[in-house]
mmCIF file of all heavy atoms, coordinates in Angstrom:
data_MODEL
# 
_entry.id   MODEL 
# 
loop_
_atom_site.group_PDB 
_atom_site.id 
_atom_site.type_symbol 
_atom_site.label_atom_id 
_atom_site.label_alt_id 
_atom_site.label_comp_id 
_atom_site.label_asym_id 
_atom_site.label_entity_id 
_atom_site.label_seq_id 
_atom_site.pdbx_PDB_ins_code 
_atom_site.Cartn_x 
_atom_site.Cartn_y 
_atom_site.Cartn_z 
_atom_site.occupancy 
_atom_site.B_iso_or_equiv 
_atom_site.pdbx_formal_charge 
_atom_site.auth_seq_id 
_atom_site.auth_comp_id 
_atom_site.auth_asym_id 
_atom_site.auth_atom_id 
_atom_site.pdbx_PDB_model_num 
ATOM 1   N N   . LEU A 1 1  ? 67.229 -2.615  105.632 1.00 0.00 ? 1  LEU A N   1 
ATOM 2   C CA  . LEU A 1 1  ? 67.456 -3.219  106.975 1.00 0.00 ? 1  LEU A CA  1 
ATOM 3   C C   . LEU A 1 1  ? 66.681 -2.162  107.954 1.00 0.00 ? 1  LEU A C   1 
ATOM 4   O O   . LEU A 1 1  ? 67.058 -1.016  108.039 1.00 0.00 ? 1  LEU A O   1 
ATOM 5   C CB  . LEU A 1 1  ? 68.888 -3.243  107.398 1.00 0.00 ? 1  LEU A CB  1 
ATOM 6   C CG  . LEU A 1 1  ? 69.219 -3.694  108.853 1.00 0.00 ? 1  LEU A CG  1 
ATOM 7   C CD1 . LEU A 1 1  ? 68.663 -5.073  109.120 1.00 0.00 ? 1  LEU A CD1 1 
ATOM 8   C CD2 . LEU A 1 1  ? 70.615 -3.534  109.162 1.00 0.00 ? 1  LEU A CD2 1 
ATOM 9   N N   . THR A 1 2  ? 65.672 -2.748  108.646 1.00 0.00 ? 2  THR A N   1 
ATOM 10  C CA  . THR A 1 2  ? 65.048 -1.923  109.641 1.00 0.00 ? 2  THR A CA  1 
ATOM 11  C C   . THR A 1 2  ? 65.451 -2.476  111.026 1.00 0.00 ? 2  THR A C   1 
ATOM 12  O O   . THR A 1 2  ? 66.393 -3.376  111.092 1.00 0.00 ? 2  THR A O   1 
ATOM 13  C CB  . THR A 1 2  ? 63.453 -2.149  109.507 1.00 0.00 ? 2  THR A CB  1 
ATOM 14  O OG1 . THR A 1 2  ? 63.102 -3.538  109.756 1.00 0.00 ? 2  THR A OG1 1 
ATOM 15  C CG2 . THR A 1 2  ? 62.991 -1.728  108.175 1.00 0.00 ? 2  THR A CG2 1 
ATOM 16  N N   . GLN A 1 3  ? 65.019 -1.970  112.060 1.00 0.00 ? 3  GLN A N   1 
ATOM 17  C CA  . GLN A 1 3  ? 65.396 -2.319  113.408 1.00 0.00 ? 3  GLN A CA  1 
ATOM 18  C C   . GLN A 1 3  ? 65.146 -3.897  113.668 1.00 0.00 ? 3  GLN A C   1 
ATOM 19  O O   . GLN A 1 3  ? 66.006 -4.524  114.284 1.00 0.00 ? 3  GLN A O   1 
ATOM 20  C CB  . GLN A 1 3  ? 64.725 -1.516  114.469 1.00 0.00 ? 3  GLN A CB  1 
ATOM 21  C CG  . GLN A 1 3  ? 65.259 -0.110  114.650 1.00 0.00 ? 3  GLN A CG  1 
ATOM 22  C CD  . GLN A 1 3  ? 66.520 -0.071  115.438 1.00 0.00 ? 3  GLN A CD  1 
ATOM 23  O OE1 . GLN A 1 3  ? 67.125 -1.096  115.752 1.00 0.00 ? 3  GLN A OE1 1 
ATOM 24  N NE2 . GLN A 1 3  ? 67.092 1.117   115.710 1.00 0.00 ? 3  GLN A NE2 1 
ATOM 25  N N   . ASP A 1 4  ? 64.050 -4.358  113.081 1.00 0.00 ? 4  ASP A N   1 
ATOM 26  C CA  . ASP A 1 4  ? 63.712 -5.726  113.598 1.00 0.00 ? 4  ASP A CA  1 
ATOM 27  C C   . ASP A 1 4  ? 63.659 -6.689  112.392 1.00 0.00 ? 4  ASP A C   1 
ATOM 28  O O   . ASP A 1 4  ? 63.315 -7.830  112.514 1.00 0.00 ? 4  ASP A O   1 
ATOM 29  C CB  . ASP A 1 4  ? 62.280 -5.734  114.187 1.00 0.00 ? 4  ASP A CB  1 
ATOM 30  C CG  . ASP A 1 4  ? 61.282 -5.178  113.264 1.00 0.00 ? 4  ASP A CG  1 
ATOM 31  O OD1 . ASP A 1 4  ? 61.546 -4.609  112.274 1.00 0.00 ? 4  ASP A OD1 1 
ATOM 32  O OD2 . ASP A 1 4  ? 60.071 -5.441  113.535 1.00 0.00 ? 4  ASP A OD2 1 
ATOM 33  N N   . ALA A 1 5  ? 64.058 -6.282  111.119 1.00 0.00 ? 5  ALA A N   1 
ATOM 34  C CA  . ALA A 1 5  ? 63.967 -7.268  110.062 1.00 0.00 ? 5  ALA A CA  1 
ATOM 35  C C   . ALA A 1 5  ? 64.872 -6.792  108.923 1.00 0.00 ? 5  ALA A C   1 
ATOM 36  O O   . ALA A 1 5  ? 65.134 -5.580  108.793 1.00 0.00 ? 5  ALA A O   1 
ATOM 37  C CB  . ALA A 1 5  ? 62.531 -7.319  109.479 1.00 0.00 ? 5  ALA A CB  1 
ATOM 38  N N   . LEU A 1 6  ? 65.342 -7.757  108.198 1.00 0.00 ? 6  LEU A N   1 
ATOM 39  C CA  . LEU A 1 6  ? 66.074 -7.468  106.876 1.00 0.00 ? 6  LEU A CA  1 
ATOM 40  C C   . LEU A 1 6  ? 65.126 -7.829  105.771 1.00 0.00 ? 6  LEU A C   1 
ATOM 41  O O   . LEU A 1 6  ? 64.669 -9.000  105.555 1.00 0.00 ? 6  LEU A O   1 
ATOM 42  C CB  . LEU A 1 6  ? 67.247 -8.358  106.860 1.00 0.00 ? 6  LEU A CB  1 
ATOM 43  C CG  . LEU A 1 6  ? 68.117 -8.316  105.505 1.00 0.00 ? 6  LEU A CG  1 
ATOM 44  C CD1 . LEU A 1 6  ? 68.649 -6.912  105.216 1.00 0.00 ? 6  LEU A CD1 1 
ATOM 45  C CD2 . LEU A 1 6  ? 69.284 -9.329  105.599 1.00 0.00 ? 6  LEU A CD2 1 
ATOM 46  N N   . TRP A 1 7  ? 64.868 -6.831  104.844 1.00 0.00 ? 7  TRP A N   1 
ATOM 47  C CA  . TRP A 1 7  ? 64.010 -7.063  103.783 1.00 0.00 ? 7  TRP A CA  1 
ATOM 48  C C   . TRP A 1 7  ? 64.772 -7.071  102.495 1.00 0.00 ? 7  TRP A C   1 
ATOM 49  O O   . TRP A 1 7  ? 65.356 -6.102  102.036 1.00 0.00 ? 7  TRP A O   1 
ATOM 50  C CB  . TRP A 1 7  ? 62.980 -5.826  103.731 1.00 0.00 ? 7  TRP A CB  1 
ATOM 51  C CG  . TRP A 1 7  ? 62.162 -5.723  104.969 1.00 0.00 ? 7  TRP A CG  1 
ATOM 52  C CD1 . TRP A 1 7  ? 62.545 -5.035  106.103 1.00 0.00 ? 7  TRP A CD1 1 
ATOM 53  C CD2 . TRP A 1 7  ? 60.856 -6.318  105.204 1.00 0.00 ? 7  TRP A CD2 1 
ATOM 54  N NE1 . TRP A 1 7  ? 61.508 -5.100  107.039 1.00 0.00 ? 7  TRP A NE1 1 
ATOM 55  C CE2 . TRP A 1 7  ? 60.508 -5.838  106.546 1.00 0.00 ? 7  TRP A CE2 1 
ATOM 56  C CE3 . TRP A 1 7  ? 60.051 -7.167  104.512 1.00 0.00 ? 7  TRP A CE3 1 
ATOM 57  C CZ2 . TRP A 1 7  ? 59.345 -6.353  107.065 1.00 0.00 ? 7  TRP A CZ2 1 
ATOM 58  C CZ3 . TRP A 1 7  ? 58.833 -7.539  105.108 1.00 0.00 ? 7  TRP A CZ3 1 
ATOM 59  C CH2 . TRP A 1 7  ? 58.555 -7.094  106.411 1.00 0.00 ? 7  TRP A CH2 1 
ATOM 60  N N   . LEU A 1 8  ? 64.799 -8.272  101.804 1.00 0.00 ? 8  LEU A N   1 
ATOM 61  C CA  . LEU A 1 8  ? 65.636 -8.435  100.552 1.00 0.00 ? 8  LEU A CA  1 
ATOM 62  C C   . LEU A 1 8  ? 64.656 -8.610  99.440  1.00 0.00 ? 8  LEU A C   1 
ATOM 63  O O   . LEU A 1 8  ? 63.688 -9.359  99.512  1.00 0.00 ? 8  LEU A O   1 
ATOM 64  C CB  . LEU A 1 8  ? 66.504 -9.665  100.699 1.00 0.00 ? 8  LEU A CB  1 
ATOM 65  C CG  . LEU A 1 8  ? 67.582 -9.606  101.717 1.00 0.00 ? 8  LEU A CG  1 
ATOM 66  C CD1 . LEU A 1 8  ? 68.430 -10.827 101.742 1.00 0.00 ? 8  LEU A CD1 1 
ATOM 67  C CD2 . LEU A 1 8  ? 68.537 -8.408  101.547 1.00 0.00 ? 8  LEU A CD2 1 
ATOM 68  N N   . VAL A 1 9  ? 64.949 -7.874  98.286  1.00 0.00 ? 9  VAL A N   1 
ATOM 69  C CA  . VAL A 1 9  ? 64.062 -7.945  97.118  1.00 0.00 ? 9  VAL A CA  1 
ATOM 70  C C   . VAL A 1 9  ? 64.117 -9.415  96.637  1.00 0.00 ? 9  VAL A C   1 
ATOM 71  O O   . VAL A 1 9  ? 65.171 -9.964  96.288  1.00 0.00 ? 9  VAL A O   1 
ATOM 72  C CB  . VAL A 1 9  ? 64.535 -6.984  96.061  1.00 0.00 ? 9  VAL A CB  1 
ATOM 73  C CG1 . VAL A 1 9  ? 63.647 -7.089  94.741  1.00 0.00 ? 9  VAL A CG1 1 
ATOM 74  C CG2 . VAL A 1 9  ? 64.491 -5.569  96.520  1.00 0.00 ? 9  VAL A CG2 1 
ATOM 75  N N   . SER A 1 10 ? 62.939 -10.064 96.448  1.00 0.00 ? 10 SER A N   1 
ATOM 76  C CA  . SER A 1 10 ? 62.889 -11.410 96.317  1.00 0.00 ? 10 SER A CA  1 
ATOM 77  C C   . SER A 1 10 ? 63.593 -11.970 95.098  1.00 0.00 ? 10 SER A C   1 
ATOM 78  O O   . SER A 1 10 ? 64.404 -12.953 95.239  1.00 0.00 ? 10 SER A O   1 
ATOM 79  C CB  . SER A 1 10 ? 61.352 -11.921 96.354  1.00 0.00 ? 10 SER A CB  1 
ATOM 80  O OG  . SER A 1 10 ? 60.718 -11.208 95.238  1.00 0.00 ? 10 SER A OG  1 
ATOM 81  N N   . LYS A 1 11 ? 63.304 -11.389 93.869  1.00 0.00 ? 11 LYS A N   1 
ATOM 82  C CA  . LYS A 1 11 ? 63.946 -11.905 92.753  1.00 0.00 ? 11 LYS A CA  1 
ATOM 83  C C   . LYS A 1 11 ? 65.511 -11.701 92.737  1.00 0.00 ? 11 LYS A C   1 
ATOM 84  O O   . LYS A 1 11 ? 66.209 -12.651 92.277  1.00 0.00 ? 11 LYS A O   1 
ATOM 85  C CB  . LYS A 1 11 ? 63.326 -11.289 91.493  1.00 0.00 ? 11 LYS A CB  1 
ATOM 86  C CG  . LYS A 1 11 ? 63.828 -12.013 90.167  1.00 0.00 ? 11 LYS A CG  1 
ATOM 87  C CD  . LYS A 1 11 ? 63.096 -11.388 88.909  1.00 0.00 ? 11 LYS A CD  1 
ATOM 88  C CE  . LYS A 1 11 ? 63.493 -12.142 87.665  1.00 0.00 ? 11 LYS A CE  1 
ATOM 89  N NZ  . LYS A 1 11 ? 64.879 -12.426 87.489  1.00 0.00 ? 11 LYS A NZ  1 
ATOM 90  N N   . THR A 1 12 ? 65.858 -10.645 93.195  1.00 0.00 ? 12 THR A N   1 
ATOM 91  C CA  . THR A 1 12 ? 67.316 -10.346 93.210  1.00 0.00 ? 12 THR A CA  1 
ATOM 92  C C   . THR A 1 12 ? 68.043 -11.296 94.043  1.00 0.00 ? 12 THR A C   1 
ATOM 93  O O   . THR A 1 12 ? 69.061 -11.851 93.684  1.00 0.00 ? 12 THR A O   1 
ATOM 94  C CB  . THR A 1 12 ? 67.554 -8.891  93.750  1.00 0.00 ? 12 THR A CB  1 
ATOM 95  O OG1 . THR A 1 12 ? 66.961 -7.958  92.872  1.00 0.00 ? 12 THR A OG1 1 
ATOM 96  C CG2 . THR A 1 12 ? 69.017 -8.506  93.865  1.00 0.00 ? 12 THR A CG2 1 
ATOM 97  N N   . VAL A 1 13 ? 67.473 -11.594 95.262  1.00 0.00 ? 13 VAL A N   1 
ATOM 98  C CA  . VAL A 1 13 ? 68.257 -12.408 96.134  1.00 0.00 ? 13 VAL A CA  1 
ATOM 99  C C   . VAL A 1 13 ? 68.222 -13.838 95.636  1.00 0.00 ? 13 VAL A C   1 
ATOM 100 O O   . VAL A 1 13 ? 69.223 -14.625 95.754  1.00 0.00 ? 13 VAL A O   1 
ATOM 101 C CB  . VAL A 1 13 ? 67.613 -12.346 97.578  1.00 0.00 ? 13 VAL A CB  1 
ATOM 102 C CG1 . VAL A 1 13 ? 66.202 -12.988 97.687  1.00 0.00 ? 13 VAL A CG1 1 
ATOM 103 C CG2 . VAL A 1 13 ? 68.456 -13.167 98.638  1.00 0.00 ? 13 VAL A CG2 1 
ATOM 104 N N   . SER A 1 14 ? 67.141 -14.260 95.013  1.00 0.00 ? 14 SER A N   1 
ATOM 105 C CA  . SER A 1 14 ? 67.080 -15.645 94.512  1.00 0.00 ? 14 SER A CA  1 
ATOM 106 C C   . SER A 1 14 ? 68.065 -15.852 93.351  1.00 0.00 ? 14 SER A C   1 
ATOM 107 O O   . SER A 1 14 ? 68.802 -16.828 93.382  1.00 0.00 ? 14 SER A O   1 
ATOM 108 C CB  . SER A 1 14 ? 65.597 -15.950 93.999  1.00 0.00 ? 14 SER A CB  1 
ATOM 109 O OG  . SER A 1 14 ? 65.597 -17.305 93.409  1.00 0.00 ? 14 SER A OG  1 
ATOM 110 N N   . ASP A 1 15 ? 68.063 -14.952 92.339  1.00 0.00 ? 15 ASP A N   1 
ATOM 111 C CA  . ASP A 1 15 ? 68.971 -15.026 91.161  1.00 0.00 ? 15 ASP A CA  1 
ATOM 112 C C   . ASP A 1 15 ? 70.440 -15.031 91.637  1.00 0.00 ? 15 ASP A C   1 
ATOM 113 O O   . ASP A 1 15 ? 71.197 -15.874 91.194  1.00 0.00 ? 15 ASP A O   1 
ATOM 114 C CB  . ASP A 1 15 ? 68.697 -13.917 90.227  1.00 0.00 ? 15 ASP A CB  1 
ATOM 115 C CG  . ASP A 1 15 ? 67.286 -14.117 89.501  1.00 0.00 ? 15 ASP A CG  1 
ATOM 116 O OD1 . ASP A 1 15 ? 66.777 -15.218 89.562  1.00 0.00 ? 15 ASP A OD1 1 
ATOM 117 O OD2 . ASP A 1 15 ? 66.841 -13.114 88.973  1.00 0.00 ? 15 ASP A OD2 1 
ATOM 118 N N   . LYS A 1 16 ? 70.757 -14.121 92.542  1.00 0.00 ? 16 LYS A N   1 
ATOM 119 C CA  . LYS A 1 16 ? 72.143 -13.972 92.919  1.00 0.00 ? 16 LYS A CA  1 
ATOM 120 C C   . LYS A 1 16 ? 72.670 -15.088 93.855  1.00 0.00 ? 16 LYS A C   1 
ATOM 121 O O   . LYS A 1 16 ? 73.766 -15.543 93.746  1.00 0.00 ? 16 LYS A O   1 
ATOM 122 C CB  . LYS A 1 16 ? 72.405 -12.582 93.477  1.00 0.00 ? 16 LYS A CB  1 
ATOM 123 C CG  . LYS A 1 16 ? 72.239 -11.476 92.510  1.00 0.00 ? 16 LYS A CG  1 
ATOM 124 C CD  . LYS A 1 16 ? 72.672 -10.098 93.152  1.00 0.00 ? 16 LYS A CD  1 
ATOM 125 C CE  . LYS A 1 16 ? 72.639 -8.991  92.100  1.00 0.00 ? 16 LYS A CE  1 
ATOM 126 N NZ  . LYS A 1 16 ? 72.961 -7.704  92.593  1.00 0.00 ? 16 LYS A NZ  1 
ATOM 127 N N   . LEU A 1 17 ? 71.700 -15.492 94.723  1.00 0.00 ? 17 LEU A N   1 
ATOM 128 C CA  . LEU A 1 17 ? 72.100 -16.626 95.617  1.00 0.00 ? 17 LEU A CA  1 
ATOM 129 C C   . LEU A 1 17 ? 72.320 -17.915 94.783  1.00 0.00 ? 17 LEU A C   1 
ATOM 130 O O   . LEU A 1 17 ? 73.317 -18.586 95.079  1.00 0.00 ? 17 LEU A O   1 
ATOM 131 C CB  . LEU A 1 17 ? 71.056 -16.807 96.702  1.00 0.00 ? 17 LEU A CB  1 
ATOM 132 C CG  . LEU A 1 17 ? 71.256 -17.940 97.631  1.00 0.00 ? 17 LEU A CG  1 
ATOM 133 C CD1 . LEU A 1 17 ? 72.549 -17.717 98.503  1.00 0.00 ? 17 LEU A CD1 1 
ATOM 134 C CD2 . LEU A 1 17 ? 70.081 -18.026 98.692  1.00 0.00 ? 17 LEU A CD2 1 
ATOM 135 N N   . ARG A 1 18 ? 71.419 -18.170 93.919  1.00 0.00 ? 18 ARG A N   1 
ATOM 136 C CA  . ARG A 1 18 ? 71.539 -19.379 93.038  1.00 0.00 ? 18 ARG A CA  1 
ATOM 137 C C   . ARG A 1 18 ? 72.920 -19.323 92.224  1.00 0.00 ? 18 ARG A C   1 
ATOM 138 O O   . ARG A 1 18 ? 73.668 -20.219 92.283  1.00 0.00 ? 18 ARG A O   1 
ATOM 139 C CB  . ARG A 1 18 ? 70.406 -19.497 92.057  1.00 0.00 ? 18 ARG A CB  1 
ATOM 140 C CG  . ARG A 1 18 ? 70.462 -20.772 91.279  1.00 0.00 ? 18 ARG A CG  1 
ATOM 141 C CD  . ARG A 1 18 ? 69.444 -20.806 90.031  1.00 0.00 ? 18 ARG A CD  1 
ATOM 142 N NE  . ARG A 1 18 ? 68.078 -20.692 90.561  1.00 0.00 ? 18 ARG A NE  1 
ATOM 143 C CZ  . ARG A 1 18 ? 67.374 -19.679 90.367  1.00 0.00 ? 18 ARG A CZ  1 
ATOM 144 N NH1 . ARG A 1 18 ? 67.800 -18.548 89.836  1.00 0.00 ? 18 ARG A NH1 1 
ATOM 145 N NH2 . ARG A 1 18 ? 66.109 -19.564 90.843  1.00 0.00 ? 18 ARG A NH2 1 
ATOM 146 N N   . ALA A 1 19 ? 73.166 -18.154 91.633  1.00 0.00 ? 19 ALA A N   1 
ATOM 147 C CA  . ALA A 1 19 ? 74.343 -18.000 90.851  1.00 0.00 ? 19 ALA A CA  1 
ATOM 148 C C   . ALA A 1 19 ? 75.627 -18.219 91.669  1.00 0.00 ? 19 ALA A C   1 
ATOM 149 O O   . ALA A 1 19 ? 76.517 -18.919 91.382  1.00 0.00 ? 19 ALA A O   1 
ATOM 150 C CB  . ALA A 1 19 ? 74.353 -16.663 90.145  1.00 0.00 ? 19 ALA A CB  1 
ATOM 151 N N   . HIS A 1 20 ? 75.623 -17.596 92.900  1.00 0.00 ? 20 HIS A N   1 
ATOM 152 C CA  . HIS A 1 20 ? 76.827 -17.680 93.771  1.00 0.00 ? 20 HIS A CA  1 
ATOM 153 C C   . HIS A 1 20 ? 77.043 -19.159 94.176  1.00 0.00 ? 20 HIS A C   1 
ATOM 154 O O   . HIS A 1 20 ? 78.200 -19.675 94.147  1.00 0.00 ? 20 HIS A O   1 
ATOM 155 C CB  . HIS A 1 20 ? 76.663 -16.852 95.040  1.00 0.00 ? 20 HIS A CB  1 
ATOM 156 C CG  . HIS A 1 20 ? 77.572 -17.025 96.045  1.00 0.00 ? 20 HIS A CG  1 
ATOM 157 N ND1 . HIS A 1 20 ? 78.908 -16.644 96.043  1.00 0.00 ? 20 HIS A ND1 1 
ATOM 158 C CD2 . HIS A 1 20 ? 77.470 -17.703 97.296  1.00 0.00 ? 20 HIS A CD2 1 
ATOM 159 C CE1 . HIS A 1 20 ? 79.529 -16.942 97.094  1.00 0.00 ? 20 HIS A CE1 1 
ATOM 160 N NE2 . HIS A 1 20 ? 78.806 -17.571 97.886  1.00 0.00 ? 20 HIS A NE2 1 
ATOM 161 N N   . LEU A 1 21 ? 75.973 -19.832 94.553  1.00 0.00 ? 21 LEU A N   1 
ATOM 162 C CA  . LEU A 1 21 ? 76.163 -21.210 95.068  1.00 0.00 ? 21 LEU A CA  1 
ATOM 163 C C   . LEU A 1 21 ? 76.484 -22.205 93.880  1.00 0.00 ? 21 LEU A C   1 
ATOM 164 O O   . LEU A 1 21 ? 77.399 -23.091 94.064  1.00 0.00 ? 21 LEU A O   1 
ATOM 165 C CB  . LEU A 1 21 ? 74.908 -21.699 95.707  1.00 0.00 ? 21 LEU A CB  1 
ATOM 166 C CG  . LEU A 1 21 ? 74.469 -21.048 97.066  1.00 0.00 ? 21 LEU A CG  1 
ATOM 167 C CD1 . LEU A 1 21 ? 73.170 -21.536 97.571  1.00 0.00 ? 21 LEU A CD1 1 
ATOM 168 C CD2 . LEU A 1 21 ? 75.588 -21.156 98.104  1.00 0.00 ? 21 LEU A CD2 1 
ATOM 169 N N   . LEU A 1 22 ? 75.976 -22.050 92.762  1.00 0.00 ? 22 LEU A N   1 
ATOM 170 C CA  . LEU A 1 22 ? 76.373 -22.781 91.608  1.00 0.00 ? 22 LEU A CA  1 
ATOM 171 C C   . LEU A 1 22 ? 77.886 -22.617 91.244  1.00 0.00 ? 22 LEU A C   1 
ATOM 172 O O   . LEU A 1 22 ? 78.565 -23.493 90.910  1.00 0.00 ? 22 LEU A O   1 
ATOM 173 C CB  . LEU A 1 22 ? 75.547 -22.555 90.471  1.00 0.00 ? 22 LEU A CB  1 
ATOM 174 C CG  . LEU A 1 22 ? 74.085 -23.025 90.492  1.00 0.00 ? 22 LEU A CG  1 
ATOM 175 C CD1 . LEU A 1 22 ? 73.212 -22.559 89.327  1.00 0.00 ? 22 LEU A CD1 1 
ATOM 176 C CD2 . LEU A 1 22 ? 73.970 -24.567 90.657  1.00 0.00 ? 22 LEU A CD2 1 
ATOM 177 N N   . GLN A 1 23 ? 78.281 -21.342 91.325  1.00 0.00 ? 23 GLN A N   1 
ATOM 178 C CA  . GLN A 1 23 ? 79.760 -21.063 91.064  1.00 0.00 ? 23 GLN A CA  1 
ATOM 179 C C   . GLN A 1 23 ? 80.676 -21.690 92.048  1.00 0.00 ? 23 GLN A C   1 
ATOM 180 O O   . GLN A 1 23 ? 81.845 -22.024 91.769  1.00 0.00 ? 23 GLN A O   1 
ATOM 181 C CB  . GLN A 1 23 ? 79.874 -19.515 90.956  1.00 0.00 ? 23 GLN A CB  1 
ATOM 182 C CG  . GLN A 1 23 ? 79.299 -18.846 89.815  1.00 0.00 ? 23 GLN A CG  1 
ATOM 183 C CD  . GLN A 1 23 ? 79.219 -17.413 89.875  1.00 0.00 ? 23 GLN A CD  1 
ATOM 184 O OE1 . GLN A 1 23 ? 79.715 -16.857 90.917  1.00 0.00 ? 23 GLN A OE1 1 
ATOM 185 N NE2 . GLN A 1 23 ? 78.756 -16.699 88.821  1.00 0.00 ? 23 GLN A NE2 1 
ATOM 186 N N   . GLN A 1 24 ? 80.122 -22.005 93.240  1.00 0.00 ? 24 GLN A N   1 
ATOM 187 C CA  . GLN A 1 24 ? 80.974 -22.608 94.279  1.00 0.00 ? 24 GLN A CA  1 
ATOM 188 C C   . GLN A 1 24 ? 80.834 -24.148 94.179  1.00 0.00 ? 24 GLN A C   1 
ATOM 189 O O   . GLN A 1 24 ? 81.409 -24.872 95.085  1.00 0.00 ? 24 GLN A O   1 
ATOM 190 C CB  . GLN A 1 24 ? 80.480 -22.134 95.716  1.00 0.00 ? 24 GLN A CB  1 
ATOM 191 C CG  . GLN A 1 24 ? 80.437 -20.728 96.026  1.00 0.00 ? 24 GLN A CG  1 
ATOM 192 C CD  . GLN A 1 24 ? 81.900 -20.113 95.758  1.00 0.00 ? 24 GLN A CD  1 
ATOM 193 O OE1 . GLN A 1 24 ? 82.835 -20.617 96.343  1.00 0.00 ? 24 GLN A OE1 1 
ATOM 194 N NE2 . GLN A 1 24 ? 81.880 -19.034 95.088  1.00 0.00 ? 24 GLN A NE2 1 
ATOM 195 N N   . GLY A 1 25 ? 80.147 -24.645 93.180  1.00 0.00 ? 25 GLY A N   1 
ATOM 196 C CA  . GLY A 1 25 ? 79.977 -26.082 93.057  1.00 0.00 ? 25 GLY A CA  1 
ATOM 197 C C   . GLY A 1 25 ? 79.030 -26.664 93.943  1.00 0.00 ? 25 GLY A C   1 
ATOM 198 O O   . GLY A 1 25 ? 79.010 -27.887 94.149  1.00 0.00 ? 25 GLY A O   1 
ATOM 199 N N   . ILE A 1 26 ? 78.114 -25.845 94.430  1.00 0.00 ? 26 ILE A N   1 
ATOM 200 C CA  . ILE A 1 26 ? 77.023 -26.344 95.365  1.00 0.00 ? 26 ILE A CA  1 
ATOM 201 C C   . ILE A 1 26 ? 75.761 -26.612 94.555  1.00 0.00 ? 26 ILE A C   1 
ATOM 202 O O   . ILE A 1 26 ? 75.239 -25.680 93.943  1.00 0.00 ? 26 ILE A O   1 
ATOM 203 C CB  . ILE A 1 26 ? 76.813 -25.418 96.506  1.00 0.00 ? 26 ILE A CB  1 
ATOM 204 C CG1 . ILE A 1 26 ? 78.055 -25.241 97.324  1.00 0.00 ? 26 ILE A CG1 1 
ATOM 205 C CG2 . ILE A 1 26 ? 75.603 -25.832 97.317  1.00 0.00 ? 26 ILE A CG2 1 
ATOM 206 C CD1 . ILE A 1 26 ? 78.033 -24.050 98.285  1.00 0.00 ? 26 ILE A CD1 1 
ATOM 207 N N   . ASP A 1 27 ? 75.252 -27.838 94.558  1.00 0.00 ? 27 ASP A N   1 
ATOM 208 C CA  . ASP A 1 27 ? 74.099 -28.199 93.860  1.00 0.00 ? 27 ASP A CA  1 
ATOM 209 C C   . ASP A 1 27 ? 72.853 -28.358 94.743  1.00 0.00 ? 27 ASP A C   1 
ATOM 210 O O   . ASP A 1 27 ? 73.029 -28.185 95.981  1.00 0.00 ? 27 ASP A O   1 
ATOM 211 C CB  . ASP A 1 27 ? 74.238 -29.519 93.076  1.00 0.00 ? 27 ASP A CB  1 
ATOM 212 C CG  . ASP A 1 27 ? 75.332 -29.385 91.968  1.00 0.00 ? 27 ASP A CG  1 
ATOM 213 O OD1 . ASP A 1 27 ? 75.301 -28.393 91.264  1.00 0.00 ? 27 ASP A OD1 1 
ATOM 214 O OD2 . ASP A 1 27 ? 76.116 -30.223 91.857  1.00 0.00 ? 27 ASP A OD2 1 
ATOM 215 N N   . GLY A 1 28 ? 71.655 -28.518 94.246  1.00 0.00 ? 28 GLY A N   1 
ATOM 216 C CA  . GLY A 1 28 ? 70.475 -28.727 94.987  1.00 0.00 ? 28 GLY A CA  1 
ATOM 217 C C   . GLY A 1 28 ? 69.687 -27.433 95.076  1.00 0.00 ? 28 GLY A C   1 
ATOM 218 O O   . GLY A 1 28 ? 68.729 -27.413 95.824  1.00 0.00 ? 28 GLY A O   1 
ATOM 219 N N   . ILE A 1 29 ? 70.161 -26.397 94.389  1.00 0.00 ? 29 ILE A N   1 
ATOM 220 C CA  . ILE A 1 29 ? 69.360 -25.117 94.419  1.00 0.00 ? 29 ILE A CA  1 
ATOM 221 C C   . ILE A 1 29 ? 68.458 -25.207 93.175  1.00 0.00 ? 29 ILE A C   1 
ATOM 222 O O   . ILE A 1 29 ? 68.845 -25.268 92.153  1.00 0.00 ? 29 ILE A O   1 
ATOM 223 C CB  . ILE A 1 29 ? 70.323 -23.966 94.193  1.00 0.00 ? 29 ILE A CB  1 
ATOM 224 C CG1 . ILE A 1 29 ? 71.469 -24.019 95.244  1.00 0.00 ? 29 ILE A CG1 1 
ATOM 225 C CG2 . ILE A 1 29 ? 69.637 -22.707 94.417  1.00 0.00 ? 29 ILE A CG2 1 
ATOM 226 C CD1 . ILE A 1 29 ? 71.041 -24.132 96.706  1.00 0.00 ? 29 ILE A CD1 1 
ATOM 227 N N   . PRO A 1 30 ? 67.099 -25.149 93.481  1.00 0.00 ? 30 PRO A N   1 
ATOM 228 C CA  . PRO A 1 30 ? 66.168 -25.260 92.345  1.00 0.00 ? 30 PRO A CA  1 
ATOM 229 C C   . PRO A 1 30 ? 66.285 -24.115 91.378  1.00 0.00 ? 30 PRO A C   1 
ATOM 230 O O   . PRO A 1 30 ? 66.672 -22.978 91.740  1.00 0.00 ? 30 PRO A O   1 
ATOM 231 C CB  . PRO A 1 30 ? 64.689 -25.238 93.069  1.00 0.00 ? 30 PRO A CB  1 
ATOM 232 C CG  . PRO A 1 30 ? 65.078 -25.576 94.500  1.00 0.00 ? 30 PRO A CG  1 
ATOM 233 C CD  . PRO A 1 30 ? 66.461 -25.065 94.734  1.00 0.00 ? 30 PRO A CD  1 
# 
């Protein structure tokens, strides 16, 4: 996190976000 932006490692955020949403029963995530 810098003063003007949040920089998230792309593969990490994609894998973990997909897994979290699928575990919540939320579909539509490619």
